[in-house]
C-alpha atoms as a PDB file:
ATOM      1  CA  MET A   1     133.968  81.258 107.735  1.00  0.00           C
ATOM      2  CA  PRO A   2     131.944  79.041 110.143  1.00  0.00           C
ATOM      3  CA  ARG A   3     129.245  76.984 108.468  1.00  0.00           C
ATOM      4  CA  THR A   4     125.752  78.000 109.552  1.00  0.00           C
ATOM      5  CA  THR A   5     122.689  75.800 109.274  1.00  0.00           C
ATOM      6  CA  PRO A   6     119.303  77.227 108.248  1.00  0.00           C
ATOM      7  CA  PRO A   7     117.241  78.553 111.172  1.00  0.00           C
ATOM      8  CA  GLU A   8     115.111  75.967 112.923  1.00  0.00           C
ATOM      9  CA  PRO A   9     111.330  76.388 113.196  1.00  0.00           C
ATOM     10  CA  ALA A  10     110.527  79.075 115.736  1.00  0.00           C
ATOM     11  CA  ARG A  11     110.312  77.935 119.353  1.00  0.00           C
ATOM     12  CA  HIS A  12     108.851  79.613 122.396  1.00  0.00           C
ATOM     13  CA  ILE A  13     109.673  79.852 126.066  1.00  0.00           C
ATOM     14  CA  VAL A  14     107.802  81.300 129.047  1.00  0.00           C
ATOM     15  CA  ILE A  15     109.701  83.999 130.944  1.00  0.00           C
ATOM     16  CA  ALA A  16     108.069  85.458 134.064  1.00  0.00           C
ATOM     17  CA  GLY A  17     104.676  84.350 132.782  1.00  0.00           C
ATOM     18  CA  GLN A  18     105.187  85.814 129.298  1.00  0.00           C
ATOM     19  CA  ALA A  19     105.335  83.669 126.178  1.00  0.00           C
ATOM     20  CA  VAL A  20     108.407  84.640 124.155  1.00  0.00           C
ATOM     21  CA  ALA A  21     109.159  83.279 120.700  1.00  0.00           C
ATOM     22  CA  TYR A  22     112.732  82.759 119.603  1.00  0.00           C
ATOM     23  CA  GLN A  23     114.538  81.728 116.443  1.00  0.00           C
ATOM     24  CA  LEU A  24     117.426  79.275 116.808  1.00  0.00           C
ATOM     25  CA  ARG A  25     120.291  79.059 114.339  1.00  0.00           C
ATOM     26  CA  ARG A  26     123.118  76.590 114.868  1.00  0.00           C
ATOM     27  CA  SER A  27     126.665  76.913 113.564  1.00  0.00           C
ATOM     28  CA  GLN A  28     130.230  75.902 114.339  1.00  0.00           C
ATOM     29  CA  ARG A  29     130.503  78.543 117.029  1.00  0.00           C
ATOM     30  CA  ARG A  30     131.663  77.739 120.552  1.00  0.00           C
ATOM     31  CA  THR A  31     129.225  79.700 122.688  1.00  0.00           C
ATOM     32  CA  ILE A  32     125.525  80.487 122.841  1.00  0.00           C
ATOM     33  CA  GLY A  33     124.647  84.065 121.915  1.00  0.00           C
ATOM     34  CA  LEU A  34     121.436  86.055 122.353  1.00  0.00           C
ATOM     35  CA  SER A  35     120.387  89.022 120.224  1.00  0.00           C
ATOM     36  CA  ILE A  36     117.189  91.012 119.855  1.00  0.00           C
ATOM     37  CA  ASP A  37     116.089  93.182 116.960  1.00  0.00           C
ATOM     38  CA  HIS A  38     112.864  93.984 115.104  1.00  0.00           C
ATOM     39  CA  ARG A  39     112.481  90.272 114.343  1.00  0.00           C
ATOM     40  CA  GLY A  40     112.477  89.349 118.044  1.00  0.00           C
ATOM     41  CA  LEU A  41     114.750  87.069 120.081  1.00  0.00           C
ATOM     42  CA  ARG A  42     117.374  85.249 118.022  1.00  0.00           C
ATOM     43  CA  ILE A  43     119.740  82.603 119.368  1.00  0.00           C
ATOM     44  CA  GLY A  44     123.033  81.493 117.866  1.00  0.00           C
ATOM     45  CA  ALA A  45     124.249  78.205 119.285  1.00  0.00           C
ATOM     46  CA  PRO A  46     126.884  75.503 118.698  1.00  0.00           C
ATOM     47  CA  THR A  47     125.720  72.654 116.483  1.00  0.00           C
ATOM     48  CA  ARG A  48     125.438  70.182 119.366  1.00  0.00           C
ATOM     49  CA  ALA A  49     124.127  72.513 122.074  1.00  0.00           C
ATOM     50  CA  ARG A  50     121.214  71.039 124.003  1.00  0.00           C
ATOM     51  CA  ILE A  51     117.886  72.855 124.032  1.00  0.00           C
ATOM     52  CA  GLY A  52     117.893  72.642 127.828  1.00  0.00           C
ATOM     53  CA  ASP A  53     121.203  74.500 128.033  1.00  0.00           C
ATOM     54  CA  ILE A  54     120.017  77.092 125.511  1.00  0.00           C
ATOM     55  CA  GLU A  55     116.820  77.769 127.425  1.00  0.00           C
ATOM     56  CA  ASN A  56     118.634  77.888 130.768  1.00  0.00           C
ATOM     57  CA  LEU A  57     120.751  80.702 129.350  1.00  0.00           C
ATOM     58  CA  ILE A  58     117.641  82.501 128.130  1.00  0.00           C
ATOM     59  CA  HIS A  59     116.157  82.264 131.618  1.00  0.00           C
ATOM     60  CA  GLU A  60     119.391  83.577 133.165  1.00  0.00           C
ATOM     61  CA  HIS A  61     119.017  86.674 130.997  1.00  0.00           C
ATOM     62  CA  GLY A  62     115.221  86.675 131.223  1.00  0.00           C
ATOM     63  CA  GLN A  63     114.743  90.235 132.453  1.00  0.00           C
ATOM     64  CA  TRP A  64     117.147  91.578 129.836  1.00  0.00           C
ATOM     65  CA  VAL A  65     115.216  89.704 127.140  1.00  0.00           C
ATOM     66  CA  LEU A  66     111.868  91.072 128.337  1.00  0.00           C
ATOM     67  CA  ASP A  67     113.216  94.623 128.618  1.00  0.00           C
ATOM     68  CA  LYS A  68     114.745  94.564 125.137  1.00  0.00           C
ATOM     69  CA  LEU A  69     111.612  93.098 123.556  1.00  0.00           C
ATOM     70  CA  ALA A  70     109.511  95.742 125.286  1.00  0.00           C
ATOM     71  CA  ALA A  71     111.846  98.462 124.004  1.00  0.00           C
ATOM     72  CA  TRP A  72     111.424  97.272 120.427  1.00  0.00           C
ATOM     73  CA  ARG A  73     107.672  96.860 120.842  1.00  0.00           C
ATOM     74  CA  ASP A  74     107.255 100.364 122.287  1.00  0.00           C
ATOM     75  CA  ARG A  75     109.396 102.152 119.713  1.00  0.00           C
ATOM     76  CA  PRO A  76     107.549 104.732 117.637  1.00  0.00           C
ATOM     77  CA  ALA A  77     106.253 103.383 114.361  1.00  0.00           C
ATOM     78  CA  GLN A  78     108.945 103.439 111.706  1.00  0.00           C
ATOM     79  CA  GLY A  79     108.714 106.359 109.324  1.00  0.00           C
ATOM     80  CA  LYS A  80     108.995 106.308 105.592  1.00  0.00           C
ATOM     81  CA  LEU A  81     112.026 104.375 104.380  1.00  0.00           C
ATOM     82  CA  GLU A  82     114.077 105.973 101.637  1.00  0.00           C
ATOM     83  CA  ILE A  83     114.854 103.416  98.947  1.00  0.00           C
ATOM     84  CA  THR A  84     118.378 103.757  97.569  1.00  0.00           C
ATOM     85  CA  ASP A  85     120.911 101.459  95.956  1.00  0.00           C
ATOM     86  CA  GLY A  86     121.990  99.120  98.780  1.00  0.00           C
ATOM     87  CA  THR A  87     118.933  99.575 101.024  1.00  0.00           C
ATOM     88  CA  VAL A  88     118.119  96.372 102.918  1.00  0.00           C
ATOM     89  CA  VAL A  89     114.568  95.311 103.739  1.00  0.00           C
ATOM     90  CA  PHE A  90     113.475  92.071 105.360  1.00  0.00           C
ATOM     91  CA  THR A  91     111.068  89.813 103.483  1.00  0.00           C
ATOM     92  CA  LEU A  92     109.787  86.593 105.004  1.00  0.00           C
ATOM     93  CA  GLY A  93     112.369  87.007 107.755  1.00  0.00           C
ATOM     94  CA  GLU A  94     115.385  87.206 105.458  1.00  0.00           C
ATOM     95  CA  PRO A  95     117.411  90.269 104.358  1.00  0.00           C
ATOM     96  CA  LEU A  96     116.778  91.504 100.814  1.00  0.00           C
ATOM     97  CA  THR A  97     119.241  94.002  99.342  1.00  0.00           C
ATOM     98  CA  ILE A  98     117.954  96.523  96.812  1.00  0.00           C
ATOM     99  CA  ALA A  99     120.275  96.927  93.825  1.00  0.00           C
ATOM    100  CA  PHE A 100     119.677  99.515  91.108  1.00  0.00           C
ATOM    101  CA  THR A 101     120.415  98.391  87.560  1.00  0.00           C
ATOM    102  CA  ASP A 102     119.989  99.669  84.035  1.00  0.00           C
ATOM    103  CA  VAL A 103     120.390  96.223  82.452  1.00  0.00           C
ATOM    104  CA  GLY A 104     117.485  94.258  80.987  1.00  0.00           C
ATOM    105  CA  ARG A 105     113.903  95.088  80.183  1.00  0.00           C
ATOM    106  CA  SER A 106     112.218  94.071  83.438  1.00  0.00           C
ATOM    107  CA  ARG A 107     111.476  96.850  85.879  1.00  0.00           C
ATOM    108  CA  TRP A 108     112.345  94.472  88.701  1.00  0.00           C
ATOM    109  CA  GLN A 109     113.822  91.027  89.150  1.00  0.00           C
ATOM    110  CA  PHE A 110     114.423  88.896  92.232  1.00  0.00           C
ATOM    111  CA  GLY A 111     117.773  87.195  92.688  1.00  0.00           C
ATOM    112  CA  PRO A 112     119.257  85.290  95.660  1.00  0.00           C
ATOM    113  CA  GLY A 113     119.052  87.786  98.516  1.00  0.00           C
ATOM    114  CA  THR A 114     118.752  90.675  96.059  1.00  0.00           C
ATOM    115  CA  LEU A 115     116.001  92.604  94.321  1.00  0.00           C
ATOM    116  CA  TYR A 116     117.136  94.394  91.163  1.00  0.00           C
ATOM    117  CA  LEU A 117     115.177  97.552  90.404  1.00  0.00           C
ATOM    118  CA  ARG A 118     115.343  99.717  87.285  1.00  0.00           C
ATOM    119  CA  PRO A 119     113.869 103.061  88.378  1.00  0.00           C
ATOM    120  CA  ASP A 120     113.647 105.993  85.994  1.00  0.00           C
ATOM    121  CA  ALA A 121     112.003 109.369  85.668  1.00  0.00           C
ATOM    122  CA  THR A 122     108.565 107.789  85.296  1.00  0.00           C
ATOM    123  CA  GLN A 123     108.658 105.419  88.271  1.00  0.00           C
ATOM    124  CA  ALA A 124     110.387 105.966  91.593  1.00  0.00           C
ATOM    125  CA  ALA A 125     112.299 103.173  93.276  1.00  0.00           C
ATOM    126  CA  SER A 126     109.782 103.051  96.135  1.00  0.00           C
ATOM    127  CA  ASP A 127     106.896 102.484  93.700  1.00  0.00           C
ATOM    128  CA  LEU A 128     108.779  99.708  91.936  1.00  0.00           C
ATOM    129  CA  LEU A 129     109.683  98.096  95.260  1.00  0.00           C
ATOM    130  CA  GLU A 130     106.050  98.036  96.349  1.00  0.00           C
ATOM    131  CA  LYS A 131     104.936  96.532  93.032  1.00  0.00           C
ATOM    132  CA  ALA A 132     107.665  93.874  93.222  1.00  0.00           C
ATOM    133  CA  LEU A 133     106.769  92.986  96.808  1.00  0.00           C
ATOM    134  CA  ARG A 134     103.075  92.838  95.949  1.00  0.00           C
ATOM    135  CA  GLU A 135     103.892  90.372  93.190  1.00  0.00           C
ATOM    136  CA  LYS A 136     105.966  88.284  95.593  1.00  0.00           C
ATOM    137  CA  ALA A 137     103.261  88.522  98.261  1.00  0.00           C
ATOM    138  CA  ARG A 138     100.550  87.251  95.916  1.00  0.00           C
ATOM    139  CA  THR A 139     102.684  84.243  94.965  1.00  0.00           C
ATOM    140  CA  ILE A 140     103.628  83.384  98.562  1.00  0.00           C
ATOM    141  CA  PHE A 141     100.115  83.897  99.951  1.00  0.00           C
ATOM    142  CA  ALA A 142      98.587  81.696  97.245  1.00  0.00           C
ATOM    143  CA  GLU A 143     101.127  78.982  98.030  1.00  0.00           C
ATOM    144  CA  ARG A 144     100.361  79.114 101.756  1.00  0.00           C
ATOM    145  CA  LEU A 145      96.610  79.008 101.151  1.00  0.00           C
ATOM    146  CA  ALA A 146      97.131  75.977  98.911  1.00  0.00           C
ATOM    147  CA  ILE A 147      99.035  74.263 101.729  1.00  0.00           C
ATOM    148  CA  HIS A 148      96.696  75.049 104.621  1.00  0.00           C
ATOM    149  CA  ALA A 149      93.218  74.969 103.027  1.00  0.00           C
ATOM    150  CA  PRO A 150      93.291  71.182 102.440  1.00  0.00           C
ATOM    151  CA  ARG A 151      94.245  70.669 106.083  1.00  0.00           C
ATOM    152  CA  LEU A 152      90.905  72.230 106.959  1.00  0.00           C
ATOM    153  CA  GLY A 153      89.044  70.279 104.299  1.00  0.00           C
ATOM    154  CA  VAL A 154      88.110  73.353 102.257  1.00  0.00           C
ATOM    155  CA  GLY A 155      88.935  74.458  98.748  1.00  0.00           C
ATOM    156  CA  GLN A 156      91.492  77.158  98.112  1.00  0.00           C
ATOM    157  CA  PRO A 157      89.585  80.446  98.472  1.00  0.00           C
ATOM    158  CA  PRO A 158      89.903  83.445  96.130  1.00  0.00           C
ATOM    159  CA  LEU A 159      92.732  85.736  97.214  1.00  0.00           C
ATOM    160  CA  ARG A 160      92.795  89.514  97.205  1.00  0.00           C
ATOM    161  CA  LEU A 161      95.657  91.739  98.334  1.00  0.00           C
ATOM    162  CA  SER A 162      94.828  94.435 100.853  1.00  0.00           C
ATOM    163  CA  SER A 163      96.534  97.691 101.809  1.00  0.00           C
ATOM    164  CA  ALA A 164      94.576  98.155 105.034  1.00  0.00           C
ATOM    165  CA  ARG A 165      96.317 100.231 107.697  1.00  0.00           C
ATOM    166  CA  THR A 166      95.218  98.240 110.728  1.00  0.00           C
ATOM    167  CA  ARG A 167      94.024  94.841 109.458  1.00  0.00           C
ATOM    168  CA  TRP A 168      96.302  92.031 108.341  1.00  0.00           C
ATOM    169  CA  GLY A 169      93.585  89.901 106.855  1.00  0.00           C
ATOM    170  CA  SER A 170      89.869  89.431 106.408  1.00  0.00           C
ATOM    171  CA  CYS A 171      87.428  86.805 105.202  1.00  0.00           C
ATOM    172  CA  SER A 172      84.202  87.695 103.421  1.00  0.00           C
ATOM    173  CA  HIS A 173      80.877  85.911 103.811  1.00  0.00           C
ATOM    174  CA  HIS A 174      81.305  84.803 100.206  1.00  0.00           C
ATOM    175  CA  GLY A 175      84.474  82.882 101.133  1.00  0.00           C
ATOM    176  CA  GLY A 176      87.108  85.204  99.683  1.00  0.00           C
ATOM    177  CA  ILE A 177      90.196  86.053 101.703  1.00  0.00           C
ATOM    178  CA  ALA A 178      92.088  89.356 101.693  1.00  0.00           C
ATOM    179  CA  LEU A 179      95.649  89.504 103.018  1.00  0.00           C
ATOM    180  CA  ASN A 180      97.665  92.633 103.608  1.00  0.00           C
ATOM    181  CA  TRP A 181     100.551  92.649 101.133  1.00  0.00           C
ATOM    182  CA  ARG A 182     102.854  94.045 103.843  1.00  0.00           C
ATOM    183  CA  LEU A 183     102.753  90.631 105.525  1.00  0.00           C
ATOM    184  CA  VAL A 184     105.505  89.725 103.062  1.00  0.00           C
ATOM    185  CA  LEU A 185     107.725  91.930 105.246  1.00  0.00           C
ATOM    186  CA  MET A 186     107.097  89.529 108.157  1.00  0.00           C
ATOM    187  CA  PRO A 187     108.618  86.081 108.808  1.00  0.00           C
ATOM    188  CA  LEU A 188     106.880  83.208 107.024  1.00  0.00           C
ATOM    189  CA  ALA A 189     105.589  81.815 110.332  1.00  0.00           C
ATOM    190  CA  ILE A 190     103.594  85.039 110.832  1.00  0.00           C
ATOM    191  CA  VAL A 191     102.201  84.814 107.311  1.00  0.00           C
ATOM    192  CA  ASP A 192     101.086  81.265 108.080  1.00  0.00           C
ATOM    193  CA  TYR A 193      99.372  82.378 111.284  1.00  0.00           C
ATOM    194  CA  VAL A 194      97.343  85.055 109.473  1.00  0.00           C
ATOM    195  CA  VAL A 195      96.515  82.642 106.642  1.00  0.00           C
ATOM    196  CA  CYS A 196      95.320  80.028 109.145  1.00  0.00           C
ATOM    197  CA  HIS A 197      93.359  82.659 111.077  1.00  0.00           C
ATOM    198  CA  GLU A 198      91.458  83.725 107.971  1.00  0.00           C
ATOM    199  CA  LEU A 199      90.901  80.169 106.767  1.00  0.00           C
ATOM    200  CA  ALA A 200      89.381  79.356 110.151  1.00  0.00           C
ATOM    201  CA  HIS A 201      86.717  81.942 109.411  1.00  0.00           C
ATOM    202  CA  LEU A 202      85.507  79.701 106.604  1.00  0.00           C
ATOM    203  CA  LYS A 203      84.359  77.388 109.406  1.00  0.00           C
ATOM    204  CA  GLU A 204      83.472  79.956 112.069  1.00  0.00           C
ATOM    205  CA  MET A 205      82.683  83.524 110.997  1.00  0.00           C
ATOM    206  CA  ASN A 206      83.313  84.871 114.510  1.00  0.00           C
ATOM    207  CA  HIS A 207      85.935  84.849 117.242  1.00  0.00           C
ATOM    208  CA  SER A 208      84.244  82.363 119.532  1.00  0.00           C
ATOM    209  CA  PRO A 209      86.077  79.589 121.411  1.00  0.00           C
ATOM    210  CA  ARG A 210      85.096  77.267 118.553  1.00  0.00           C
ATOM    211  CA  PHE A 211      86.828  79.599 116.116  1.00  0.00           C
ATOM    212  CA  TRP A 212      90.047  79.588 118.126  1.00  0.00           C
ATOM    213  CA  SER A 213      89.944  75.802 118.348  1.00  0.00           C
ATOM    214  CA  VAL A 214      89.918  75.710 114.533  1.00  0.00           C
ATOM    215  CA  VAL A 215      92.869  78.124 114.463  1.00  0.00           C
ATOM    216  CA  GLU A 216      94.723  75.895 116.931  1.00  0.00           C
ATOM    217  CA  GLN A 217      94.050  72.882 114.734  1.00  0.00           C
ATOM    218  CA  LEU A 218      95.910  74.619 111.907  1.00  0.00           C
ATOM    219  CA  CYS A 219      98.432  76.599 113.948  1.00  0.00           C
ATOM    220  CA  PRO A 220      99.049  75.064 117.408  1.00  0.00           C
ATOM    221  CA  ASP A 221     101.290  77.948 118.542  1.00  0.00           C
ATOM    222  CA  TRP A 222      98.921  80.697 117.359  1.00  0.00           C
ATOM    223  CA  LYS A 223      99.195  82.597 120.648  1.00  0.00           C
ATOM    224  CA  VAL A 224     102.934  83.003 120.190  1.00  0.00           C
ATOM    225  CA  ARG A 225     102.475  83.973 116.540  1.00  0.00           C
ATOM    226  CA  ARG A 226      99.852  86.550 117.435  1.00  0.00           C
ATOM    227  CA  LEU A 227     102.202  88.075 120.010  1.00  0.00           C
ATOM    228  CA  GLU A 228     105.021  88.175 117.457  1.00  0.00           C
ATOM    229  CA  LEU A 229     102.751  89.858 114.948  1.00  0.00           C
ATOM    230  CA  ARG A 230     101.870  92.577 117.429  1.00  0.00           C
ATOM    231  CA  GLN A 231     105.524  93.086 118.317  1.00  0.00           C
ATOM    232  CA  LEU A 232     106.683  93.319 114.706  1.00  0.00           C
ATOM    233  CA  ALA A 233     103.782  95.307 113.309  1.00  0.00           C
ATOM    234  CA  ARG A 234     105.173  98.647 114.449  1.00  0.00           C
ATOM    235  CA  GLN A 235     108.597  97.961 112.999  1.00  0.00           C
ATOM    236  CA  ILE A 236     107.897  97.143 109.386  1.00  0.00           C
ATOM    237  CA  PRO A 237     108.969  99.922 107.003  1.00  0.00           C
ATOM    238  CA  HIS A 238     106.741 102.088 104.844  1.00  0.00           C
ATOM    239  CA  PHE A 239     107.942 103.422 101.545  1.00  0.00           C
END
């Protein structure tokens, strides 16, 4: 089986005036391949392929890329996902397989690429999945706040998880930050964008040009991240 390296940090390219983010993963393959799904544009390339050659190929298929991204973006919002043994959900951009188990005392446990759930008559699998993901979200969000707050010269703010339908984050006048737990279903780069966005409000409680300059200080490619967030928002599952 060909050895695959971890995905590189997300890049972006401008196609017909539109900023398009893409994820690059290199392996011992011989050709460059393009694919598009709910996560956006993904490129598989040989280990030594040059970025210039990769982006030339993207441009050659530019209209196809834009059409496919638009098709994903315009799809109806995903309905309720039935959680069964073997269901796969994406967390932080990586697949997570749900496995039912009757072993152990914990109602849920994370393993490499797997979340073990122990549903019973008192708690449905979907309820356990949400509780497990909320727990994971709180841990990840706190870690990201701890990384980015010092970059802005502020202390780590209090964190609250939100279940808002249309807002991914908010910052109160008292300095607390709320983050939608469903962000854990997005790639980590999107989580970082929302975290940086809300931290910037600790400096500018508005959306003025000064606010966006603070966001750019923390997240230079915030425009691409914001576009990705909008594209992916309609595709995350509800359960």
